[in-house]
N, C-alpha and C. Protein backbone atom coordinates (compact mmCIF):
# COMPACT_ATOMS: atom_id res chain seq x y z
N MET A 1 -11.92 0.91 -13.55
CA MET A 1 -10.92 0.24 -12.87
C MET A 1 -11.50 0.10 -11.39
N GLN A 2 -11.21 -1.03 -10.77
CA GLN A 2 -11.70 -1.41 -9.47
C GLN A 2 -10.81 -0.73 -8.38
N PHE A 3 -11.32 -0.62 -7.14
CA PHE A 3 -10.65 -0.02 -6.13
C PHE A 3 -9.27 -0.62 -5.84
N PHE A 4 -9.11 -1.95 -5.63
CA PHE A 4 -7.94 -2.59 -5.35
C PHE A 4 -6.85 -2.51 -6.43
N ALA A 5 -7.40 -2.61 -7.70
CA ALA A 5 -6.51 -2.49 -8.91
C ALA A 5 -5.92 -1.10 -9.02
N ALA A 6 -6.64 -0.04 -8.57
CA ALA A 6 -6.21 1.30 -8.54
C ALA A 6 -5.16 1.50 -7.45
N ILE A 7 -5.34 0.92 -6.31
CA ILE A 7 -4.28 1.00 -5.33
C ILE A 7 -3.10 0.28 -5.62
N GLN A 8 -3.17 -0.89 -6.26
CA GLN A 8 -1.97 -1.65 -6.75
C GLN A 8 -1.21 -0.82 -7.72
N SER A 9 -2.02 -0.17 -8.73
CA SER A 9 -1.37 0.61 -9.67
C SER A 9 -0.71 1.90 -9.13
N GLY A 10 -1.20 2.38 -8.05
CA GLY A 10 -0.60 3.51 -7.37
C GLY A 10 0.73 3.18 -6.79
N PHE A 11 0.80 2.06 -6.15
CA PHE A 11 2.06 1.66 -5.53
C PHE A 11 3.10 1.04 -6.56
N ARG A 12 2.48 0.46 -7.57
CA ARG A 12 3.43 -0.08 -8.67
C ARG A 12 4.04 0.98 -9.35
N ASN A 13 3.37 2.14 -9.57
CA ASN A 13 3.84 3.21 -10.32
C ASN A 13 4.20 4.41 -9.36
N TYR A 14 4.61 4.13 -8.22
CA TYR A 14 4.77 5.17 -7.18
C TYR A 14 5.57 6.39 -7.60
N ALA A 15 6.50 6.10 -8.49
CA ALA A 15 7.45 7.22 -8.90
C ALA A 15 7.40 7.42 -10.49
N ASN A 16 6.35 6.88 -11.08
CA ASN A 16 6.24 7.05 -12.53
C ASN A 16 5.43 8.27 -12.87
N PHE A 17 6.14 9.28 -13.42
CA PHE A 17 5.53 10.54 -13.87
C PHE A 17 5.37 10.62 -15.29
N LYS A 18 5.52 9.47 -15.92
CA LYS A 18 5.21 9.52 -17.46
C LYS A 18 4.02 8.68 -17.70
N GLY A 19 3.32 8.97 -18.77
CA GLY A 19 2.17 8.08 -19.07
C GLY A 19 0.88 8.73 -18.66
N ARG A 20 -0.21 7.87 -18.59
CA ARG A 20 -1.52 8.43 -18.26
C ARG A 20 -2.16 7.58 -17.19
N ALA A 21 -3.04 8.23 -16.47
CA ALA A 21 -3.90 7.51 -15.48
C ALA A 21 -5.28 7.90 -15.77
N ASP A 22 -6.25 6.98 -15.78
CA ASP A 22 -7.62 7.36 -16.08
C ASP A 22 -8.32 7.90 -14.87
N ARG A 23 -9.48 8.51 -15.17
CA ARG A 23 -10.14 9.21 -14.16
C ARG A 23 -10.62 8.32 -12.96
N ALA A 24 -11.09 7.08 -13.23
CA ALA A 24 -11.56 6.16 -12.19
C ALA A 24 -10.34 5.77 -11.27
N SER A 25 -9.28 5.51 -11.76
CA SER A 25 -8.14 5.05 -10.96
C SER A 25 -7.62 6.21 -10.13
N TYR A 26 -7.58 7.46 -10.64
CA TYR A 26 -7.19 8.57 -9.94
C TYR A 26 -8.07 8.85 -8.71
N TRP A 27 -9.42 8.78 -8.89
CA TRP A 27 -10.28 9.10 -7.82
C TRP A 27 -10.29 7.91 -6.83
N TRP A 28 -10.21 6.66 -7.27
CA TRP A 28 -9.98 5.59 -6.31
C TRP A 28 -8.73 5.79 -5.40
N TRP A 29 -7.64 6.21 -6.00
CA TRP A 29 -6.52 6.54 -5.22
C TRP A 29 -6.81 7.65 -4.26
N VAL A 30 -7.36 8.72 -4.64
CA VAL A 30 -7.75 9.78 -3.73
C VAL A 30 -8.51 9.27 -2.53
N LEU A 31 -9.61 8.43 -2.82
CA LEU A 31 -10.38 7.87 -1.75
C LEU A 31 -9.50 7.07 -0.77
N PHE A 32 -8.72 6.22 -1.38
CA PHE A 32 -7.74 5.45 -0.52
C PHE A 32 -6.84 6.41 0.37
N SER A 33 -6.34 7.46 -0.27
CA SER A 33 -5.41 8.30 0.54
C SER A 33 -6.10 8.91 1.62
N VAL A 34 -7.33 9.29 1.45
CA VAL A 34 -8.16 10.03 2.56
C VAL A 34 -8.44 8.96 3.58
N LEU A 35 -8.91 7.81 3.20
CA LEU A 35 -9.24 6.81 4.21
C LEU A 35 -8.06 6.37 5.04
N ILE A 36 -6.88 6.20 4.36
CA ILE A 36 -5.69 5.65 5.07
C ILE A 36 -5.16 6.75 5.95
N GLN A 37 -5.24 8.01 5.58
CA GLN A 37 -4.77 9.10 6.39
C GLN A 37 -5.73 9.23 7.61
N ALA A 38 -7.01 9.16 7.35
CA ALA A 38 -7.99 9.32 8.46
C ALA A 38 -7.72 8.18 9.42
N ALA A 39 -7.59 7.03 9.00
CA ALA A 39 -7.29 5.84 9.89
C ALA A 39 -6.02 6.00 10.66
N ALA A 40 -4.99 6.42 9.98
CA ALA A 40 -3.68 6.61 10.55
C ALA A 40 -3.77 7.67 11.73
N SER A 41 -4.62 8.71 11.61
CA SER A 41 -4.66 9.75 12.62
C SER A 41 -5.14 9.19 13.98
N TRP A 42 -5.81 8.07 13.95
CA TRP A 42 -6.22 7.43 15.20
C TRP A 42 -5.14 6.79 16.09
N PHE A 43 -3.90 6.66 15.30
CA PHE A 43 -2.81 5.99 16.04
C PHE A 43 -1.70 7.09 16.34
N GLY A 44 -2.09 8.34 16.26
CA GLY A 44 -1.24 9.38 16.71
C GLY A 44 -0.66 10.25 15.59
N GLU A 45 -0.25 11.43 15.98
CA GLU A 45 0.36 12.32 14.92
C GLU A 45 1.51 11.82 14.17
N ALA A 46 2.45 11.17 14.88
CA ALA A 46 3.66 10.81 14.33
C ALA A 46 3.34 9.69 13.20
N PHE A 47 2.42 8.77 13.49
CA PHE A 47 2.11 7.74 12.61
C PHE A 47 1.33 8.32 11.42
N ALA A 48 0.49 9.30 11.69
CA ALA A 48 -0.25 9.97 10.62
C ALA A 48 0.71 10.63 9.68
N ASN A 49 1.75 11.38 10.17
CA ASN A 49 2.67 12.01 9.40
C ASN A 49 3.44 11.03 8.53
N LEU A 50 3.80 9.87 9.08
CA LEU A 50 4.55 8.86 8.42
C LEU A 50 3.76 8.32 7.17
N VAL A 51 2.42 8.04 7.46
CA VAL A 51 1.56 7.65 6.32
C VAL A 51 1.34 8.80 5.26
N SER A 52 1.22 10.05 5.69
CA SER A 52 1.20 11.13 4.73
C SER A 52 2.42 11.10 3.87
N VAL A 53 3.58 10.97 4.43
CA VAL A 53 4.83 10.94 3.63
C VAL A 53 4.87 9.75 2.70
N ALA A 54 4.35 8.66 3.18
CA ALA A 54 4.32 7.44 2.36
C ALA A 54 3.50 7.53 1.11
N VAL A 55 2.33 8.28 1.15
CA VAL A 55 1.44 8.36 0.03
C VAL A 55 1.68 9.72 -0.74
N LEU A 56 2.61 10.45 -0.27
CA LEU A 56 2.85 11.71 -1.02
C LEU A 56 3.31 11.52 -2.45
N LEU A 57 4.31 10.78 -2.66
CA LEU A 57 4.97 10.56 -3.94
C LEU A 57 4.07 9.84 -4.93
N PRO A 58 3.33 8.75 -4.36
CA PRO A 58 2.46 8.14 -5.37
C PRO A 58 1.25 9.06 -5.79
N SER A 59 0.82 9.89 -4.84
CA SER A 59 -0.26 10.92 -5.06
C SER A 59 0.14 11.91 -6.12
N LEU A 60 1.34 12.36 -6.01
CA LEU A 60 1.88 13.31 -6.97
C LEU A 60 2.01 12.70 -8.38
N ALA A 61 2.49 11.46 -8.42
CA ALA A 61 2.73 10.79 -9.67
C ALA A 61 1.30 10.45 -10.21
N PHE A 62 0.36 10.13 -9.42
CA PHE A 62 -1.05 9.87 -9.98
C PHE A 62 -1.54 11.12 -10.48
N ALA A 63 -1.50 12.27 -9.80
CA ALA A 63 -2.00 13.54 -10.22
C ALA A 63 -1.38 13.95 -11.51
N ILE A 64 -0.08 13.86 -11.60
CA ILE A 64 0.60 14.22 -12.86
C ILE A 64 0.08 13.38 -14.06
N ARG A 65 0.02 12.05 -13.91
CA ARG A 65 -0.43 11.15 -14.92
C ARG A 65 -1.88 11.44 -15.32
N ARG A 66 -2.67 11.87 -14.32
CA ARG A 66 -4.08 12.26 -14.52
C ARG A 66 -4.17 13.49 -15.45
N MET A 67 -3.24 14.41 -15.25
CA MET A 67 -3.12 15.67 -16.12
C MET A 67 -2.76 15.30 -17.56
N HIS A 68 -1.85 14.36 -17.60
CA HIS A 68 -1.44 13.87 -18.88
C HIS A 68 -2.53 13.23 -19.66
N ASP A 69 -3.53 12.58 -18.97
CA ASP A 69 -4.60 11.82 -19.53
C ASP A 69 -5.52 12.87 -20.13
N THR A 70 -5.54 14.06 -19.68
CA THR A 70 -6.42 15.16 -20.26
C THR A 70 -5.64 15.90 -21.18
N ASN A 71 -4.39 15.56 -21.59
CA ASN A 71 -3.52 16.20 -22.56
C ASN A 71 -3.00 17.49 -22.01
N ARG A 72 -2.69 17.59 -20.66
CA ARG A 72 -2.15 18.81 -20.13
C ARG A 72 -0.85 18.50 -19.39
N SER A 73 -0.11 19.46 -19.22
CA SER A 73 1.17 19.37 -18.51
C SER A 73 0.99 19.04 -17.04
N GLY A 74 1.70 18.24 -16.38
CA GLY A 74 1.68 17.91 -14.99
C GLY A 74 1.83 19.10 -14.12
N TRP A 75 2.34 20.20 -14.63
CA TRP A 75 2.55 21.41 -13.82
C TRP A 75 1.19 21.97 -13.40
N TRP A 76 0.15 21.57 -13.99
CA TRP A 76 -1.21 22.12 -13.73
C TRP A 76 -1.64 21.75 -12.30
N ILE A 77 -1.01 20.78 -11.77
CA ILE A 77 -1.37 20.33 -10.37
C ILE A 77 -1.06 21.40 -9.27
N LEU A 78 -0.20 22.37 -9.73
CA LEU A 78 0.11 23.42 -8.70
C LEU A 78 -1.05 24.48 -8.52
N LEU A 79 -2.07 24.50 -9.45
CA LEU A 79 -3.19 25.45 -9.30
C LEU A 79 -4.34 24.57 -8.83
N PRO A 80 -4.69 24.67 -7.54
CA PRO A 80 -5.75 23.81 -6.95
C PRO A 80 -7.11 23.79 -7.62
N ILE A 81 -7.69 24.95 -7.87
CA ILE A 81 -9.04 24.98 -8.45
C ILE A 81 -9.05 24.39 -9.85
N VAL A 82 -8.08 24.90 -10.68
CA VAL A 82 -7.98 24.39 -12.07
C VAL A 82 -7.64 23.00 -12.06
N ASN A 83 -6.80 22.49 -11.21
CA ASN A 83 -6.41 21.07 -11.04
C ASN A 83 -7.67 20.24 -10.86
N LEU A 84 -8.58 20.68 -9.91
CA LEU A 84 -9.73 20.00 -9.65
C LEU A 84 -10.59 19.86 -10.89
N VAL A 85 -10.82 20.86 -11.58
CA VAL A 85 -11.61 20.96 -12.88
C VAL A 85 -10.97 19.99 -13.77
N PHE A 86 -9.74 19.99 -14.04
CA PHE A 86 -9.14 19.08 -15.04
C PHE A 86 -9.16 17.65 -14.61
N THR A 87 -8.99 17.34 -13.38
CA THR A 87 -9.22 15.94 -12.86
C THR A 87 -10.58 15.43 -13.06
N LEU A 88 -11.62 16.25 -13.12
CA LEU A 88 -12.94 15.85 -13.29
C LEU A 88 -13.35 15.61 -14.71
N GLN A 89 -12.51 16.05 -15.61
CA GLN A 89 -12.82 15.95 -17.08
C GLN A 89 -12.60 14.47 -17.52
N ARG A 90 -13.31 14.16 -18.57
CA ARG A 90 -13.16 12.79 -19.20
C ARG A 90 -11.70 12.69 -19.80
N SER A 91 -11.31 11.54 -19.86
CA SER A 91 -10.00 11.13 -20.51
C SER A 91 -10.09 11.34 -22.03
N GLN A 92 -8.93 11.60 -22.60
CA GLN A 92 -8.95 11.56 -24.06
C GLN A 92 -8.95 10.16 -24.59
N PRO A 93 -9.87 9.73 -25.39
CA PRO A 93 -9.98 8.33 -25.70
C PRO A 93 -8.79 7.88 -26.76
N SER A 94 -8.22 8.81 -27.39
CA SER A 94 -7.14 8.43 -28.28
C SER A 94 -5.78 8.83 -27.73
N GLU A 95 -4.74 8.41 -28.45
CA GLU A 95 -3.35 8.73 -28.02
C GLU A 95 -3.15 10.21 -28.04
N ASN A 96 -2.51 10.72 -27.07
CA ASN A 96 -2.06 12.11 -27.11
C ASN A 96 -0.53 12.28 -26.94
N ARG A 97 -0.03 13.44 -26.69
CA ARG A 97 1.44 13.65 -26.63
C ARG A 97 2.03 12.96 -25.51
N PHE A 98 1.18 12.39 -24.49
CA PHE A 98 1.88 11.64 -23.40
C PHE A 98 1.70 10.19 -23.53
N GLY A 99 1.15 9.65 -24.67
CA GLY A 99 1.14 8.30 -24.92
C GLY A 99 -0.26 7.73 -25.14
N PRO A 100 -0.37 6.49 -25.28
CA PRO A 100 -1.78 5.96 -25.48
C PRO A 100 -2.48 5.87 -24.19
N PRO A 101 -3.80 5.72 -24.30
CA PRO A 101 -4.72 5.71 -23.07
C PRO A 101 -4.33 4.48 -22.26
N PRO A 102 -4.51 4.52 -20.95
CA PRO A 102 -4.25 3.28 -20.18
C PRO A 102 -5.22 2.15 -20.75
N PRO A 103 -4.61 0.87 -20.62
CA PRO A 103 -5.46 -0.15 -21.10
C PRO A 103 -6.57 -0.50 -20.16
N PRO A 104 -7.66 -1.00 -20.65
CA PRO A 104 -8.75 -1.33 -19.80
C PRO A 104 -8.31 -2.46 -18.80
N ARG A 105 -8.79 -2.33 -17.59
CA ARG A 105 -8.46 -3.49 -16.62
C ARG A 105 -9.55 -4.46 -16.62
N THR A 106 -9.25 -5.71 -16.43
CA THR A 106 -10.29 -6.72 -16.39
C THR A 106 -10.21 -7.30 -14.99
N VAL A 107 -11.35 -7.66 -14.42
CA VAL A 107 -11.44 -8.23 -13.11
C VAL A 107 -11.21 -9.63 -13.32
N ALA A 108 -10.21 -10.22 -12.50
CA ALA A 108 -9.82 -11.63 -12.65
C ALA A 108 -10.67 -12.46 -11.49
């Protein structure tokens, strides 16, 4: 998945805690979140806090869907080190208890 497609997916599914998110889209979203929060910090603390709140729910949803992609419960995001290890693992190529794998994205 490309960077902008992952960002669109994050905002389109900002409160979708069901389904799966592939590894590439999750890490593109993390990169976007870090960059946008770093840029927002230049405009003051209040604006940075507003941006942090704006990306909080989509980030949680993405992390939970990423856990689902590795066939684990979303509750694993509460354990930071374990969470990191699980997000780095490959996706399950076949359907699991959380549904089918995300469809491949094509560049238009």
